[in-house]
C-alpha atoms as a PDB file:
ATOM      1  CA  UNK A   1       0.089   0.083  -0.013  1.00  0.00           C
ATOM      2  CA  UNK A   2       2.844   2.303   0.625  1.00  0.00           C
ATOM      3  CA  UNK A   3       3.613   2.189  -3.093  1.00  0.00           C
ATOM      4  CA  UNK A   4       0.317   3.064  -4.134  1.00  0.00           C
ATOM      5  CA  UNK A   5       0.597   6.280  -1.827  1.00  0.00           C
ATOM      6  CA  UNK A   6       3.865   6.989  -3.019  1.00  0.00           C
ATOM      7  CA  UNK A   7       2.866   7.045  -6.596  1.00  0.00           C
ATOM      8  CA  UNK A   8      -0.156   9.263  -5.742  1.00  0.00           C
ATOM      9  CA  UNK A   9       1.940  11.888  -4.036  1.00  0.00           C
ATOM     10  CA  UNK A  10       4.490  11.799  -6.988  1.00  0.00           C
ATOM     11  CA  UNK A  11       1.823  12.189  -9.367  1.00  0.00           C
ATOM     12  CA  UNK A  12      -0.020  15.018  -7.495  1.00  0.00           C
ATOM     13  CA  UNK A  13       3.517  16.513  -7.284  1.00  0.00           C
ATOM     14  CA  UNK A  14       4.103  16.283 -10.737  1.00  0.00           C
ATOM     15  CA  UNK A  15       0.921  17.601 -11.776  1.00  0.00           C
ATOM     16  CA  UNK A  16       1.468  20.787  -9.521  1.00  0.00           C
ATOM     17  CA  UNK A  17       4.770  21.360 -11.132  1.00  0.00           C
ATOM     18  CA  UNK A  18       3.301  21.162 -14.695  1.00  0.00           C
ATOM     19  CA  UNK A  19       0.572  23.575 -13.625  1.00  0.00           C
ATOM     20  CA  UNK A  20       3.399  26.149 -11.891  1.00  0.00           C
ATOM     21  CA  UNK A  21       5.343  25.709 -15.405  1.00  0.00           C
ATOM     22  CA  UNK A  22       2.201  26.561 -17.392  1.00  0.00           C
ATOM     23  CA  UNK A  23       1.298  29.469 -15.201  1.00  0.00           C
ATOM     24  CA  UNK A  24       4.836  30.830 -15.479  1.00  0.00           C
ATOM     25  CA  UNK A  25       4.951  30.329 -19.076  1.00  0.00           C
ATOM     26  CA  UNK A  26       1.731  32.461 -19.508  1.00  0.00           C
ATOM     27  CA  UNK A  27       2.983  35.240 -17.035  1.00  0.00           C
ATOM     28  CA  UNK A  28       6.108  35.451 -19.422  1.00  0.00           C
ATOM     29  CA  UNK A  29       3.908  35.893 -22.335  1.00  0.00           C
ATOM     30  CA  UNK A  30       1.985  38.593 -20.514  1.00  0.00           C
ATOM     31  CA  UNK A  31       5.243  40.347 -19.730  1.00  0.00           C
ATOM     32  CA  UNK A  32       6.378  40.050 -23.288  1.00  0.00           C
ATOM     33  CA  UNK A  33       3.142  41.319 -24.429  1.00  0.00           C
ATOM     34  CA  UNK A  34       3.266  44.390 -22.184  1.00  0.00           C
ATOM     35  CA  UNK A  35       6.609  45.313 -23.562  1.00  0.00           C
ATOM     36  CA  UNK A  36       5.588  44.858 -27.236  1.00  0.00           C
ATOM     37  CA  UNK A  37       2.448  47.148 -26.854  1.00  0.00           C
ATOM     38  CA  UNK A  38       3.939  49.652 -24.500  1.00  0.00           C
ATOM     39  CA  UNK A  39       6.955  50.483 -27.316  1.00  0.00           C
ATOM     40  CA  UNK A  40       4.603  51.583 -30.172  1.00  0.00           C
ATOM     41  CA  UNK A  41       2.354  52.879 -27.411  1.00  0.00           C
ATOM     42  CA  UNK A  42       4.851  55.872 -27.062  1.00  0.00           C
ATOM     43  CA  UNK A  43       4.117  57.081 -30.675  1.00  0.00           C
ATOM     44  CA  UNK A  44       0.947  55.464 -31.715  1.00  0.00           C
ATOM     45  CA  UNK A  45      -2.538  54.958 -30.163  1.00  0.00           C
ATOM     46  CA  UNK A  46      -1.291  56.083 -26.640  1.00  0.00           C
ATOM     47  CA  UNK A  47      -4.764  56.238 -24.904  1.00  0.00           C
ATOM     48  CA  UNK A  48      -5.166  52.659 -25.937  1.00  0.00           C
ATOM     49  CA  UNK A  49      -1.781  50.934 -25.824  1.00  0.00           C
ATOM     50  CA  UNK A  50      -0.791  52.603 -22.631  1.00  0.00           C
ATOM     51  CA  UNK A  51      -3.306  51.191 -20.489  1.00  0.00           C
ATOM     52  CA  UNK A  52      -3.250  47.930 -22.060  1.00  0.00           C
ATOM     53  CA  UNK A  53       0.664  47.489 -21.509  1.00  0.00           C
ATOM     54  CA  UNK A  54       0.139  48.504 -17.819  1.00  0.00           C
ATOM     55  CA  UNK A  55      -2.785  46.071 -17.262  1.00  0.00           C
ATOM     56  CA  UNK A  56      -0.546  43.218 -18.726  1.00  0.00           C
ATOM     57  CA  UNK A  57       2.713  44.107 -16.916  1.00  0.00           C
ATOM     58  CA  UNK A  58       0.519  44.230 -13.871  1.00  0.00           C
ATOM     59  CA  UNK A  59      -0.814  40.523 -14.222  1.00  0.00           C
ATOM     60  CA  UNK A  60       2.363  39.336 -15.285  1.00  0.00           C
ATOM     61  CA  UNK A  61       4.041  40.582 -12.021  1.00  0.00           C
ATOM     62  CA  UNK A  62       1.170  39.323  -9.918  1.00  0.00           C
ATOM     63  CA  UNK A  63       1.208  35.818 -11.478  1.00  0.00           C
ATOM     64  CA  UNK A  64       4.837  35.515 -11.039  1.00  0.00           C
ATOM     65  CA  UNK A  65       6.748  35.909 -14.363  1.00  0.00           C
ATOM     66  CA  UNK A  66      10.379  35.013 -14.625  1.00  0.00           C
ATOM     67  CA  UNK A  67      10.862  37.989 -17.056  1.00  0.00           C
ATOM     68  CA  UNK A  68      10.543  40.686 -14.388  1.00  0.00           C
ATOM     69  CA  UNK A  69      12.627  43.104 -16.221  1.00  0.00           C
ATOM     70  CA  UNK A  70      10.448  42.878 -19.129  1.00  0.00           C
ATOM     71  CA  UNK A  71       7.303  43.438 -17.191  1.00  0.00           C
ATOM     72  CA  UNK A  72       8.755  46.305 -15.244  1.00  0.00           C
ATOM     73  CA  UNK A  73       9.857  47.834 -18.679  1.00  0.00           C
ATOM     74  CA  UNK A  74       6.425  47.442 -20.060  1.00  0.00           C
ATOM     75  CA  UNK A  75       4.777  48.863 -17.153  1.00  0.00           C
ATOM     76  CA  UNK A  76       7.189  51.886 -17.602  1.00  0.00           C
ATOM     77  CA  UNK A  77       6.564  52.299 -21.222  1.00  0.00           C
ATOM     78  CA  UNK A  78       2.867  52.169 -20.575  1.00  0.00           C
ATOM     79  CA  UNK A  79       3.010  54.851 -18.019  1.00  0.00           C
ATOM     80  CA  UNK A  80       5.212  56.897 -20.153  1.00  0.00           C
ATOM     81  CA  UNK A  81       2.793  56.923 -23.089  1.00  0.00           C
ATOM     82  CA  UNK A  82       0.093  58.134 -20.992  1.00  0.00           C
ATOM     83  CA  UNK A  83       2.467  61.018 -19.612  1.00  0.00           C
ATOM     84  CA  UNK A  84       3.315  61.800 -23.329  1.00  0.00           C
ATOM     85  CA  UNK A  85      -0.408  61.827 -24.164  1.00  0.00           C
ATOM     86  CA  UNK A  86      -1.105  64.182 -21.367  1.00  0.00           C
ATOM     87  CA  UNK A  87       1.746  66.501 -21.961  1.00  0.00           C
ATOM     88  CA  UNK A  88       0.924  66.920 -25.729  1.00  0.00           C
ATOM     89  CA  UNK A  89      -2.843  67.279 -24.806  1.00  0.00           C
ATOM     90  CA  UNK A  90      -2.161  69.863 -22.235  1.00  0.00           C
ATOM     91  CA  UNK A  91       0.239  71.983 -24.388  1.00  0.00           C
ATOM     92  CA  UNK A  92      -1.815  71.875 -27.649  1.00  0.00           C
ATOM     93  CA  UNK A  93      -4.937  73.028 -25.472  1.00  0.00           C
ATOM     94  CA  UNK A  94      -6.668  69.703 -26.218  1.00  0.00           C
ATOM     95  CA  UNK A  95      -6.285  69.843 -30.095  1.00  0.00           C
ATOM     96  CA  UNK A  96      -3.714  67.131 -31.281  1.00  0.00           C
ATOM     97  CA  UNK A  97      -4.379  67.637 -35.013  1.00  0.00           C
ATOM     98  CA  UNK A  98      -5.618  70.846 -36.439  1.00  0.00           C
ATOM     99  CA  UNK A  99      -6.909  70.121 -39.923  1.00  0.00           C
ATOM    100  CA  UNK A 100      -8.005  73.855 -40.529  1.00  0.00           C
ATOM    101  CA  UNK A 101      -4.496  75.212 -40.925  1.00  0.00           C
END
């Protein structure tokens, strides 16, 4: 009976390790996606890509990514894109594109 119990414990440990690897892989993908969306978000579609990059980076960090640097970079790029949007909107008095001139 001890071999049956040992094999059940070993199977549960293997299942838990596989689940942990899958969760880490998903968190790593979120970190990469946050970086890849934050980078163009500096210049294009700041209002959309910035918050998405911030959300993905936060999820990656909460889920325990092994790519913490990439997640922090995605977070910083998302915040920077929103700061750039706020500065350009404030300095142009709310008009980013003037078609009449």
